[in-house]
PDB file of all heavy atoms in Angstrom:
ATOM      1  N   ASN A   1     -19.039  23.696  35.683  1.00  0.00           N
ATOM      2  CA  ASN A   1     -19.486  22.985  36.917  1.00  0.00           C
ATOM      3  C   ASN A   1     -20.473  21.914  36.449  1.00  0.00           C
ATOM      4  O   ASN A   1     -21.022  21.905  35.246  1.00  0.00           O
ATOM      5  CB  ASN A   1     -19.961  23.911  38.001  1.00  0.00           C
ATOM      6  CG  ASN A   1     -21.233  24.713  37.542  1.00  0.00           C
ATOM      7  OD1 ASN A   1     -22.084  24.221  36.846  1.00  0.00           O
ATOM      8  ND2 ASN A   1     -21.214  26.004  37.853  1.00  0.00           N
ATOM      9  N   TRP A   2     -20.998  21.107  37.395  1.00  0.00           N
ATOM     10  CA  TRP A   2     -21.832  20.079  36.932  1.00  0.00           C
ATOM     11  C   TRP A   2     -23.156  20.522  36.367  1.00  0.00           C
ATOM     12  O   TRP A   2     -23.831  19.969  35.449  1.00  0.00           O
ATOM     13  CB  TRP A   2     -22.143  18.980  37.989  1.00  0.00           C
ATOM     14  CG  TRP A   2     -20.847  18.264  38.197  1.00  0.00           C
ATOM     15  CD1 TRP A   2     -19.942  18.250  39.192  1.00  0.00           C
ATOM     16  CD2 TRP A   2     -20.285  17.281  37.382  1.00  0.00           C
ATOM     17  NE1 TRP A   2     -18.853  17.504  38.939  1.00  0.00           N
ATOM     18  CE2 TRP A   2     -19.078  16.801  37.777  1.00  0.00           C
ATOM     19  CE3 TRP A   2     -20.758  16.639  36.156  1.00  0.00           C
ATOM     20  CZ2 TRP A   2     -18.361  15.857  37.146  1.00  0.00           C
ATOM     21  CZ3 TRP A   2     -20.010  15.753  35.499  1.00  0.00           C
ATOM     22  CH2 TRP A   2     -18.824  15.321  35.946  1.00  0.00           C
ATOM     23  N   LEU A   3     -23.668  21.695  36.931  1.00  0.00           N
ATOM     24  CA  LEU A   3     -25.030  22.203  36.553  1.00  0.00           C
ATOM     25  C   LEU A   3     -24.766  22.668  35.039  1.00  0.00           C
ATOM     26  O   LEU A   3     -25.687  22.501  34.266  1.00  0.00           O
ATOM     27  CB  LEU A   3     -25.347  23.362  37.431  1.00  0.00           C
ATOM     28  CG  LEU A   3     -26.803  23.993  37.163  1.00  0.00           C
ATOM     29  CD1 LEU A   3     -27.925  22.831  37.279  1.00  0.00           C
ATOM     30  CD2 LEU A   3     -27.156  25.042  38.158  1.00  0.00           C
ATOM     31  N   ARG A   4     -23.744  23.405  34.748  1.00  0.00           N
ATOM     32  CA  ARG A   4     -23.603  23.942  33.440  1.00  0.00           C
ATOM     33  C   ARG A   4     -23.343  22.867  32.455  1.00  0.00           C
ATOM     34  O   ARG A   4     -23.814  22.918  31.330  1.00  0.00           O
ATOM     35  CB  ARG A   4     -22.410  24.965  33.451  1.00  0.00           C
ATOM     36  CG  ARG A   4     -22.734  26.254  34.151  1.00  0.00           C
ATOM     37  CD  ARG A   4     -21.530  27.180  34.064  1.00  0.00           C
ATOM     38  NE  ARG A   4     -21.227  27.472  32.651  1.00  0.00           N
ATOM     39  CZ  ARG A   4     -20.906  28.543  32.180  1.00  0.00           C
ATOM     40  NH1 ARG A   4     -20.575  29.644  32.991  1.00  0.00           N
ATOM     41  NH2 ARG A   4     -20.622  28.789  30.866  1.00  0.00           N
ATOM     42  N   ILE A   5     -22.566  21.789  32.888  1.00  0.00           N
ATOM     43  CA  ILE A   5     -22.203  20.754  31.945  1.00  0.00           C
ATOM     44  C   ILE A   5     -23.534  19.997  31.630  1.00  0.00           C
ATOM     45  O   ILE A   5     -23.808  19.599  30.474  1.00  0.00           O
ATOM     46  CB  ILE A   5     -21.070  19.781  32.498  1.00  0.00           C
ATOM     47  CG1 ILE A   5     -19.824  20.585  32.527  1.00  0.00           C
ATOM     48  CG2 ILE A   5     -21.080  18.524  31.743  1.00  0.00           C
ATOM     49  CD1 ILE A   5     -18.766  19.908  33.372  1.00  0.00           C
ATOM     50  N   GLY A   6     -24.318  19.710  32.718  1.00  0.00           N
ATOM     51  CA  GLY A   6     -25.609  19.039  32.521  1.00  0.00           C
ATOM     52  C   GLY A   6     -26.520  19.830  31.670  1.00  0.00           C
ATOM     53  O   GLY A   6     -27.294  19.198  30.905  1.00  0.00           O
ATOM     54  N   GLY A   7     -26.515  21.095  31.867  1.00  0.00           N
ATOM     55  CA  GLY A   7     -27.447  21.972  31.148  1.00  0.00           C
ATOM     56  C   GLY A   7     -27.114  22.064  29.586  1.00  0.00           C
ATOM     57  O   GLY A   7     -27.873  21.934  28.708  1.00  0.00           O
ATOM     58  N   ALA A   8     -25.763  22.022  29.377  1.00  0.00           N
ATOM     59  CA  ALA A   8     -25.243  21.984  27.980  1.00  0.00           C
ATOM     60  C   ALA A   8     -25.644  20.629  27.378  1.00  0.00           C
ATOM     61  O   ALA A   8     -26.045  20.631  26.184  1.00  0.00           O
ATOM     62  CB  ALA A   8     -23.733  22.150  27.979  1.00  0.00           C
ATOM     63  N   ALA A   9     -25.464  19.535  28.067  1.00  0.00           N
ATOM     64  CA  ALA A   9     -25.867  18.261  27.576  1.00  0.00           C
ATOM     65  C   ALA A   9     -27.423  18.277  27.266  1.00  0.00           C
ATOM     66  O   ALA A   9     -27.880  17.678  26.136  1.00  0.00           O
ATOM     67  CB  ALA A   9     -25.515  17.048  28.456  1.00  0.00           C
ATOM     68  N   LEU A  10     -28.280  18.763  28.131  1.00  0.00           N
ATOM     69  CA  LEU A  10     -29.620  18.788  27.902  1.00  0.00           C
ATOM     70  C   LEU A  10     -30.059  19.652  26.685  1.00  0.00           C
ATOM     71  O   LEU A  10     -30.831  19.339  25.926  1.00  0.00           O
ATOM     72  CB  LEU A  10     -30.354  19.357  29.205  1.00  0.00           C
ATOM     73  CG  LEU A  10     -31.835  19.431  29.179  1.00  0.00           C
ATOM     74  CD1 LEU A  10     -32.525  18.057  28.853  1.00  0.00           C
ATOM     75  CD2 LEU A  10     -32.512  19.999  30.492  1.00  0.00           C
ATOM     76  N   ALA A  11     -29.352  20.836  26.677  1.00  0.00           N
ATOM     77  CA  ALA A  11     -29.558  21.736  25.522  1.00  0.00           C
ATOM     78  C   ALA A  11     -29.167  20.993  24.179  1.00  0.00           C
ATOM     79  O   ALA A  11     -29.815  21.273  23.175  1.00  0.00           O
ATOM     80  CB  ALA A  11     -28.813  22.972  25.690  1.00  0.00           C
ATOM     81  N   SER A  12     -28.176  20.297  24.219  1.00  0.00           N
ATOM     82  CA  SER A  12     -27.686  19.509  23.052  1.00  0.00           C
ATOM     83  C   SER A  12     -28.777  18.460  22.649  1.00  0.00           C
ATOM     84  O   SER A  12     -29.156  18.467  21.350  1.00  0.00           O
ATOM     85  CB  SER A  12     -26.356  18.714  23.299  1.00  0.00           C
ATOM     86  OG  SER A  12     -25.324  19.599  23.663  1.00  0.00           O
ATOM     87  N   SER A  13     -29.307  17.804  23.545  1.00  0.00           N
ATOM     88  CA  SER A  13     -30.426  16.779  23.270  1.00  0.00           C
ATOM     89  C   SER A  13     -31.685  17.441  22.632  1.00  0.00           C
ATOM     90  O   SER A  13     -32.145  17.055  21.628  1.00  0.00           O
ATOM     91  CB  SER A  13     -30.819  15.999  24.448  1.00  0.00           C
ATOM     92  OG  SER A  13     -29.662  15.352  24.969  1.00  0.00           O
ATOM     93  N   ILE A  14     -32.100  18.489  23.342  1.00  0.00           N
ATOM     94  CA  ILE A  14     -33.339  19.182  22.855  1.00  0.00           C
ATOM     95  C   ILE A  14     -33.032  19.799  21.581  1.00  0.00           C
ATOM     96  O   ILE A  14     -33.894  19.749  20.714  1.00  0.00           O
ATOM     97  CB  ILE A  14     -33.759  20.183  24.003  1.00  0.00           C
ATOM     98  CG1 ILE A  14     -34.216  19.488  25.204  1.00  0.00           C
ATOM     99  CG2 ILE A  14     -34.937  21.080  23.445  1.00  0.00           C
ATOM    100  CD1 ILE A  14     -34.378  20.298  26.419  1.00  0.00           C
ATOM    101  N   SER A  15     -32.017  20.544  21.257  1.00  0.00           N
ATOM    102  CA  SER A  15     -31.740  21.237  20.113  1.00  0.00           C
ATOM    103  C   SER A  15     -31.587  20.206  18.946  1.00  0.00           C
ATOM    104  O   SER A  15     -32.187  20.538  17.850  1.00  0.00           O
ATOM    105  CB  SER A  15     -30.484  22.189  20.192  1.00  0.00           C
ATOM    106  OG  SER A  15     -29.353  21.403  20.410  1.00  0.00           O
ATOM    107  N   PHE A  16     -30.974  19.042  19.170  1.00  0.00           N
ATOM    108  CA  PHE A  16     -30.901  18.093  18.110  1.00  0.00           C
ATOM    109  C   PHE A  16     -32.297  17.531  17.701  1.00  0.00           C
ATOM    110  O   PHE A  16     -32.633  17.424  16.486  1.00  0.00           O
ATOM    111  CB  PHE A  16     -29.935  17.013  18.431  1.00  0.00           C
ATOM    112  CG  PHE A  16     -29.754  16.059  17.269  1.00  0.00           C
ATOM    113  CD1 PHE A  16     -28.962  16.306  16.234  1.00  0.00           C
ATOM    114  CD2 PHE A  16     -30.504  14.851  17.219  1.00  0.00           C
ATOM    115  CE1 PHE A  16     -28.747  15.428  15.252  1.00  0.00           C
ATOM    116  CE2 PHE A  16     -30.250  13.931  16.227  1.00  0.00           C
ATOM    117  CZ  PHE A  16     -29.496  14.246  15.131  1.00  0.00           C
ATOM    118  N   PHE A  17     -33.083  17.278  18.699  1.00  0.00           N
ATOM    119  CA  PHE A  17     -34.415  16.805  18.438  1.00  0.00           C
ATOM    120  C   PHE A  17     -35.275  17.830  17.601  1.00  0.00           C
ATOM    121  O   PHE A  17     -35.853  17.472  16.612  1.00  0.00           O
ATOM    122  CB  PHE A  17     -35.123  16.468  19.782  1.00  0.00           C
ATOM    123  CG  PHE A  17     -36.591  16.243  19.644  1.00  0.00           C
ATOM    124  CD1 PHE A  17     -36.960  14.933  19.150  1.00  0.00           C
ATOM    125  CD2 PHE A  17     -37.665  17.118  19.938  1.00  0.00           C
ATOM    126  CE1 PHE A  17     -38.277  14.540  19.039  1.00  0.00           C
ATOM    127  CE2 PHE A  17     -38.888  16.692  19.826  1.00  0.00           C
ATOM    128  CZ  PHE A  17     -39.214  15.423  19.329  1.00  0.00           C
ATOM    129  N   VAL A  18     -35.161  19.104  18.116  1.00  0.00           N
ATOM    130  CA  VAL A  18     -35.981  20.186  17.373  1.00  0.00           C
ATOM    131  C   VAL A  18     -35.404  20.377  16.028  1.00  0.00           C
ATOM    132  O   VAL A  18     -36.301  20.305  14.948  1.00  0.00           O
ATOM    133  CB  VAL A  18     -35.815  21.460  18.249  1.00  0.00           C
ATOM    134  CG1 VAL A  18     -36.525  22.526  17.419  1.00  0.00           C
ATOM    135  CG2 VAL A  18     -36.690  21.291  19.527  1.00  0.00           C
ATOM    136  N   VAL A  19     -34.229  20.579  15.820  1.00  0.00           N
ATOM    137  CA  VAL A  19     -33.620  20.936  14.411  1.00  0.00           C
ATOM    138  C   VAL A  19     -33.695  19.739  13.580  1.00  0.00           C
ATOM    139  O   VAL A  19     -34.121  19.830  12.288  1.00  0.00           O
ATOM    140  CB  VAL A  19     -32.353  21.735  14.419  1.00  0.00           C
ATOM    141  CG1 VAL A  19     -32.283  22.945  15.285  1.00  0.00           C
ATOM    142  CG2 VAL A  19     -31.291  20.718  14.880  1.00  0.00           C
ATOM    143  N   SER A  20     -33.255  18.585  13.935  1.00  0.00           N
ATOM    144  CA  SER A  20     -33.328  17.395  13.044  1.00  0.00           C
ATOM    145  C   SER A  20     -34.674  16.961  12.513  1.00  0.00           C
ATOM    146  O   SER A  20     -34.919  16.698  11.370  1.00  0.00           O
ATOM    147  CB  SER A  20     -32.474  16.261  13.539  1.00  0.00           C
ATOM    148  OG  SER A  20     -33.154  15.699  14.841  1.00  0.00           O
ATOM    149  N   ASN A  21     -35.592  16.935  13.579  1.00  0.00           N
ATOM    150  CA  ASN A  21     -37.051  16.627  13.158  1.00  0.00           C
ATOM    151  C   ASN A  21     -37.576  17.664  12.222  1.00  0.00           C
ATOM    152  O   ASN A  21     -38.422  17.363  11.291  1.00  0.00           O
ATOM    153  CB  ASN A  21     -37.849  16.349  14.314  1.00  0.00           C
ATOM    154  CG  ASN A  21     -37.551  15.014  14.874  1.00  0.00           C
ATOM    155  OD1 ASN A  21     -37.955  13.969  14.274  1.00  0.00           O
ATOM    156  ND2 ASN A  21     -36.874  14.915  15.970  1.00  0.00           N
ATOM    157  N   PHE A  22     -37.356  18.815  12.417  1.00  0.00           N
ATOM    158  CA  PHE A  22     -37.880  20.053  11.541  1.00  0.00           C
ATOM    159  C   PHE A  22     -37.275  19.768  10.101  1.00  0.00           C
ATOM    160  O   PHE A  22     -38.004  19.913   9.157  1.00  0.00           O
ATOM    161  CB  PHE A  22     -37.511  21.359  12.164  1.00  0.00           C
ATOM    162  CG  PHE A  22     -38.060  22.396  11.266  1.00  0.00           C
ATOM    163  CD1 PHE A  22     -39.279  22.848  11.458  1.00  0.00           C
ATOM    164  CD2 PHE A  22     -37.349  23.086  10.289  1.00  0.00           C
ATOM    165  CE1 PHE A  22     -39.948  23.858  10.654  1.00  0.00           C
ATOM    166  CE2 PHE A  22     -37.859  24.121   9.565  1.00  0.00           C
ATOM    167  CZ  PHE A  22     -39.184  24.472   9.722  1.00  0.00           C
ATOM    168  N   ALA A  23     -36.028  19.424  10.148  1.00  0.00           N
ATOM    169  CA  ALA A  23     -35.350  19.221   8.829  1.00  0.00           C
ATOM    170  C   ALA A  23     -35.860  18.104   8.118  1.00  0.00           C
ATOM    171  O   ALA A  23     -36.126  18.171   6.896  1.00  0.00           O
ATOM    172  CB  ALA A  23     -33.831  19.171   8.996  1.00  0.00           C
ATOM    173  N   VAL A  24     -36.212  17.074   8.737  1.00  0.00           N
ATOM    174  CA  VAL A  24     -36.836  15.777   8.229  1.00  0.00           C
ATOM    175  C   VAL A  24     -38.180  16.188   7.652  1.00  0.00           C
ATOM    176  O   VAL A  24     -38.483  15.773   6.530  1.00  0.00           O
ATOM    177  CB  VAL A  24     -36.850  14.692   9.191  1.00  0.00           C
ATOM    178  CG1 VAL A  24     -37.917  13.655   8.724  1.00  0.00           C
ATOM    179  CG2 VAL A  24     -35.582  14.075   9.417  1.00  0.00           C
ATOM    180  N   TRP A  25     -38.938  16.942   8.448  1.00  0.00           N
ATOM    181  CA  TRP A  25     -40.359  17.342   8.005  1.00  0.00           C
ATOM    182  C   TRP A  25     -40.173  18.315   6.791  1.00  0.00           C
ATOM    183  O   TRP A  25     -40.887  18.094   5.842  1.00  0.00           O
ATOM    184  CB  TRP A  25     -41.067  18.023   9.181  1.00  0.00           C
ATOM    185  CG  TRP A  25     -42.288  18.620   8.736  1.00  0.00           C
ATOM    186  CD1 TRP A  25     -43.502  18.192   8.513  1.00  0.00           C
ATOM    187  CD2 TRP A  25     -42.474  20.151   8.501  1.00  0.00           C
ATOM    188  NE1 TRP A  25     -44.466  19.105   8.186  1.00  0.00           N
ATOM    189  CE2 TRP A  25     -43.841  20.391   8.160  1.00  0.00           C
ATOM    190  CE3 TRP A  25     -41.572  21.241   8.614  1.00  0.00           C
ATOM    191  CZ2 TRP A  25     -44.431  21.519   7.876  1.00  0.00           C
ATOM    192  CZ3 TRP A  25     -42.157  22.510   8.334  1.00  0.00           C
ATOM    193  CH2 TRP A  25     -43.496  22.692   7.991  1.00  0.00           C
ATOM    194  N   ALA A  26     -39.321  19.242   6.833  1.00  0.00           N
ATOM    195  CA  ALA A  26     -39.241  20.292   5.678  1.00  0.00           C
ATOM    196  C   ALA A  26     -38.668  19.699   4.390  1.00  0.00           C
ATOM    197  O   ALA A  26     -38.971  20.084   3.314  1.00  0.00           O
ATOM    198  CB  ALA A  26     -38.356  21.338   6.232  1.00  0.00           C
ATOM    199  N   SER A  27     -37.720  18.704   4.602  1.00  0.00           N
ATOM    200  CA  SER A  27     -37.021  18.254   3.355  1.00  0.00           C
ATOM    201  C   SER A  27     -37.762  17.000   2.735  1.00  0.00           C
ATOM    202  O   SER A  27     -37.297  16.728   1.608  1.00  0.00           O
ATOM    203  CB  SER A  27     -35.563  17.955   3.715  1.00  0.00           C
ATOM    204  OG  SER A  27     -35.452  16.820   4.513  1.00  0.00           O
ATOM    205  N   GLY A  28     -38.333  16.223   3.543  1.00  0.00           N
ATOM    206  CA  GLY A  28     -38.798  14.921   2.956  1.00  0.00           C
ATOM    207  C   GLY A  28     -40.329  14.988   2.588  1.00  0.00           C
ATOM    208  O   GLY A  28     -40.997  16.075   2.589  1.00  0.00           O
ATOM    209  N   SER A  29     -40.758  13.840   2.203  1.00  0.00           N
ATOM    210  CA  SER A  29     -42.212  13.667   1.863  1.00  0.00           C
ATOM    211  C   SER A  29     -42.877  12.702   2.710  1.00  0.00           C
ATOM    212  O   SER A  29     -44.071  12.384   2.360  1.00  0.00           O
ATOM    213  CB  SER A  29     -42.213  13.152   0.328  1.00  0.00           C
ATOM    214  OG  SER A  29     -41.551  11.867   0.265  1.00  0.00           O
ATOM    215  N   MET A  30     -42.366  12.483   3.860  1.00  0.00           N
ATOM    216  CA  MET A  30     -42.999  11.499   4.807  1.00  0.00           C
ATOM    217  C   MET A  30     -44.216  12.068   5.466  1.00  0.00           C
ATOM    218  O   MET A  30     -45.050  11.423   5.883  1.00  0.00           O
ATOM    219  CB  MET A  30     -42.002  10.972   5.737  1.00  0.00           C
ATOM    220  CG  MET A  30     -41.183   9.724   5.430  1.00  0.00           C
ATOM    221  SD  MET A  30     -39.994   9.407   6.695  1.00  0.00           S
ATOM    222  CE  MET A  30     -40.909   8.749   8.051  1.00  0.00           C
TER     223      MET A  30
END
């Protein structure tokens, strides 16, 4: 339903932000 679909899209955005930025911090020297 629209609530579940919207929630999944929101979870996708937040999870990508959290894991990708953590990986950049952990793997790089910036």
